[in-house]
Amino acid sequence: MATTSTPTNDRTRVCLGVIVGTHGLKGEVRIQSFTARPEDVGDYGPLNDEAQARSFAVKTRGRGKGTVIARIAGVEDLAAAAALKGTKLFVARAALDAPADGEFYYADLVGLEARLESGDCVGRVASVHNYGAGDVIEVTPPGDGATLLVPFTKAAVPVVDTADGFIVLAPPSGLWDHAAVAEAGR
């Protein structure tokens, strides 16, 4: 199962989704789920917000517009649901199965060294995003350089080695100037 991550370095929790809006007038929410099966987002027990200040019992009710429609216990109207927009939903890592060989959670990628196929280090993985067209890895270069965004596909990221702490990038031609990025990473 792959899940996305946020910039947090808390390895004890995994972000399973984010509330992106409301659905209807009776307090249902739309959740962008990061679980392998989107409708499973509420199946891991109570979820917490990023600050661990609030807990949410989530029951999915269907799917729509690329999101999961869900009811959250105690949220009974549109205003209460709207107030939750942008809330990231986390679960304790212990509630999840350990990844199988060759699998990982996106949260495990944060902090890994990002290398080009030449072996040159270009930075570290800051986050994994999905803006609607697929997953994208954000790499923060050393120093003050601009962050790099790379499509998270097998072609563009052919190696993910969480055990040894690195990923290999083979970004599509023209995405950015490889030589300049490699030089900036030195």
Protein backbone atom coordinates (compact mmCIF):
# COMPACT_ATOMS: atom_id res chain seq x y z
CA MET A 1 0.00 0.00 0.00
CA ALA A 2 1.37 3.39 -0.88
CA THR A 3 0.41 6.48 0.99
CA THR A 4 1.48 10.02 0.53
CA SER A 5 3.44 12.03 2.97
CA THR A 6 3.65 15.48 4.36
CA PRO A 7 6.81 17.35 5.24
CA THR A 8 6.61 16.10 8.83
CA ASN A 9 9.50 13.92 9.99
CA ASP A 10 7.27 11.99 12.40
CA ARG A 11 7.88 8.37 11.42
CA THR A 12 5.31 7.09 13.92
CA ARG A 13 2.34 8.29 11.85
CA VAL A 14 1.25 8.10 8.23
CA CYS A 15 -1.05 10.53 6.42
CA LEU A 16 -3.95 8.58 4.91
CA GLY A 17 -5.81 11.48 3.37
CA VAL A 18 -6.87 15.08 3.46
CA ILE A 19 -10.35 16.61 3.67
CA VAL A 20 -10.73 18.61 0.47
CA GLY A 21 -14.31 19.83 0.76
CA THR A 22 -17.90 19.16 1.65
CA HIS A 23 -20.56 16.98 0.09
CA GLY A 24 -24.20 17.95 0.44
CA LEU A 25 -25.76 19.87 3.29
CA LYS A 26 -25.74 17.29 6.08
CA GLY A 27 -22.09 17.32 7.07
CA GLU A 28 -20.48 14.83 4.74
CA VAL A 29 -16.95 15.55 3.54
CA ARG A 30 -14.89 14.76 0.47
CA ILE A 31 -11.54 13.14 1.27
CA GLN A 32 -8.60 12.78 -1.06
CA SER A 33 -7.52 9.33 0.06
CA PHE A 34 -3.91 8.20 -0.12
CA THR A 35 -4.63 4.54 0.61
CA ALA A 36 -4.23 1.85 -2.04
CA ARG A 37 -8.02 1.41 -2.06
CA PRO A 38 -9.37 4.94 -1.49
CA GLU A 39 -12.52 3.76 0.27
CA ASP A 40 -10.37 2.10 2.98
CA VAL A 41 -9.29 5.46 4.43
CA GLY A 42 -11.57 5.02 7.45
CA ASP A 43 -10.80 1.35 8.06
CA TYR A 44 -7.68 1.84 10.20
CA GLY A 45 -9.43 3.14 13.30
CA PRO A 46 -9.69 6.72 14.47
CA LEU A 47 -7.65 9.21 12.47
CA ASN A 48 -5.99 12.30 13.96
CA ASP A 49 -5.18 15.72 12.62
CA GLU A 50 -1.56 16.77 12.11
CA ALA A 51 -1.29 18.30 15.59
CA GLN A 52 -2.90 15.21 17.15
CA ALA A 53 -5.38 17.59 18.78
CA ARG A 54 -8.50 16.06 17.22
CA SER A 55 -9.60 12.51 16.50
CA PHE A 56 -11.99 11.51 13.73
CA ALA A 57 -14.06 8.38 13.26
CA VAL A 58 -14.47 8.21 9.47
CA LYS A 59 -17.05 6.11 7.67
CA THR A 60 -16.88 6.14 3.89
CA ARG A 61 -20.18 6.30 2.03
CA GLY A 62 -19.15 6.30 -1.61
CA ARG A 63 -16.95 7.93 -4.20
CA GLY A 64 -17.27 10.97 -6.39
CA LYS A 65 -15.15 13.43 -8.38
CA GLY A 66 -11.91 11.60 -7.59
CA THR A 67 -12.54 11.65 -3.85
CA VAL A 68 -14.15 9.53 -1.18
CA ILE A 69 -17.42 10.76 0.32
CA ALA A 70 -17.41 10.20 4.07
CA ARG A 71 -19.26 10.90 7.26
CA ILE A 72 -17.26 11.94 10.31
CA ALA A 73 -18.77 11.20 13.71
CA GLY A 74 -20.00 14.40 15.34
CA VAL A 75 -20.03 16.44 12.13
CA GLU A 76 -23.70 17.06 11.46
CA ASP A 77 -23.96 20.09 9.18
CA LEU A 78 -22.37 21.92 6.27
CA ALA A 79 -20.64 24.53 8.44
CA ALA A 80 -18.94 21.90 10.62
CA ALA A 81 -17.85 19.96 7.54
CA ALA A 82 -16.55 23.10 5.80
CA ALA A 83 -14.47 23.97 8.87
CA LEU A 84 -12.50 20.74 8.36
CA LYS A 85 -11.38 21.54 4.80
CA GLY A 86 -7.61 21.11 4.53
CA THR A 87 -7.37 18.82 7.56
CA LYS A 88 -4.83 16.05 7.02
CA LEU A 89 -5.83 12.69 8.46
CA PHE A 90 -3.14 10.59 10.13
CA VAL A 91 -3.03 7.10 11.63
CA ALA A 92 -0.43 5.51 13.87
CA ARG A 93 2.02 3.58 11.73
CA ALA A 94 1.54 0.60 14.06
CA ALA A 95 -2.06 0.30 12.77
CA LEU A 96 -0.77 -0.44 9.27
CA ASP A 97 0.72 -3.62 7.90
CA ALA A 98 4.45 -3.58 7.34
CA PRO A 99 5.22 -3.00 3.67
CA ALA A 100 6.13 -6.12 1.70
CA ASP A 101 9.55 -6.46 0.10
CA GLY A 102 9.92 -3.85 -2.61
CA GLU A 103 7.03 -1.78 -1.24
CA PHE A 104 7.09 1.33 0.92
CA TYR A 105 4.94 4.05 2.34
CA TYR A 106 5.38 7.46 0.76
CA ALA A 107 6.21 8.77 4.23
CA ASP A 108 9.33 6.56 4.08
CA LEU A 109 10.63 8.59 1.13
CA VAL A 110 10.82 11.90 2.99
CA GLY A 111 14.45 12.65 3.79
CA LEU A 112 15.96 10.15 1.35
CA GLU A 113 18.87 11.34 -0.77
CA ALA A 114 17.89 12.02 -4.39
CA ARG A 115 20.53 11.05 -6.94
CA LEU A 116 20.76 11.26 -10.69
CA GLU A 117 21.59 8.09 -12.60
CA SER A 118 25.19 9.39 -12.73
CA GLY A 119 25.30 9.11 -8.94
CA ASP A 120 25.35 12.89 -8.41
CA CYS A 121 23.32 13.93 -5.36
CA VAL A 122 20.75 16.62 -6.20
CA GLY A 123 19.10 16.93 -2.80
CA ARG A 124 16.66 15.19 -0.50
CA VAL A 125 13.04 14.15 -0.89
CA ALA A 126 10.90 16.79 0.82
CA SER A 127 7.46 15.39 0.03
CA VAL A 128 5.26 13.48 -2.37
CA HIS A 129 2.34 15.40 -3.86
CA ASN A 130 -0.61 14.63 -6.07
CA TYR A 131 -2.17 17.62 -7.78
CA GLY A 132 -4.60 15.46 -9.70
CA ALA A 133 -2.49 14.24 -12.61
CA GLY A 134 -0.37 11.70 -10.72
CA ASP A 135 2.17 11.62 -7.96
CA VAL A 136 5.09 14.05 -7.99
CA ILE A 137 8.24 13.89 -5.86
CA GLU A 138 9.50 17.20 -4.48
CA VAL A 139 13.27 17.35 -4.02
CA THR A 140 14.93 20.09 -2.00
CA PRO A 141 18.47 20.76 -3.23
CA PRO A 142 21.26 21.64 -0.81
CA GLY A 143 21.63 25.36 -0.18
CA ASP A 144 19.10 27.84 -1.48
CA GLY A 145 18.23 26.32 -4.86
CA ALA A 146 14.70 25.98 -6.14
CA THR A 147 12.92 22.73 -5.35
CA LEU A 148 12.73 20.14 -8.10
CA LEU A 149 9.53 18.35 -9.04
CA VAL A 150 9.77 14.94 -10.70
CA PRO A 151 6.87 12.75 -11.85
CA PHE A 152 6.77 9.69 -9.59
CA THR A 153 6.77 7.09 -12.33
CA LYS A 154 8.98 4.04 -12.80
CA ALA A 155 10.63 5.77 -15.77
CA ALA A 156 11.45 8.99 -13.89
CA VAL A 157 12.27 7.33 -10.55
CA PRO A 158 13.66 3.92 -11.50
CA VAL A 159 15.17 3.12 -8.09
CA VAL A 160 13.70 3.54 -4.62
CA ASP A 161 16.00 2.11 -1.96
CA THR A 162 14.63 2.94 1.47
CA ALA A 163 17.04 0.53 3.18
CA ASP A 164 20.11 2.39 1.89
CA GLY A 165 18.40 5.79 2.02
CA PHE A 166 18.23 7.01 -1.57
CA ILE A 167 16.20 7.27 -4.76
CA VAL A 168 17.50 7.55 -8.31
CA LEU A 169 16.02 10.16 -10.63
CA ALA A 170 15.86 9.92 -14.41
CA PRO A 171 13.64 12.91 -15.16
CA PRO A 172 12.19 13.30 -18.64
CA SER A 173 14.30 15.26 -21.10
CA GLY A 174 13.72 18.99 -20.80
CA LEU A 175 12.20 18.85 -17.32
CA TRP A 176 15.22 20.67 -15.95
CA ASP A 177 18.87 21.18 -16.79
CA HIS A 178 20.54 18.05 -15.38
CA ALA A 179 24.05 19.49 -15.48
CA ALA A 180 23.05 22.63 -13.57
CA VAL A 181 21.15 20.58 -11.00
CA ALA A 182 24.08 18.18 -10.53
CA GLU A 183 26.48 21.11 -10.14
CA ALA A 184 24.18 22.80 -7.59
CA GLY A 185 24.12 19.57 -5.57
CA ARG A 186 27.91 19.61 -5.10
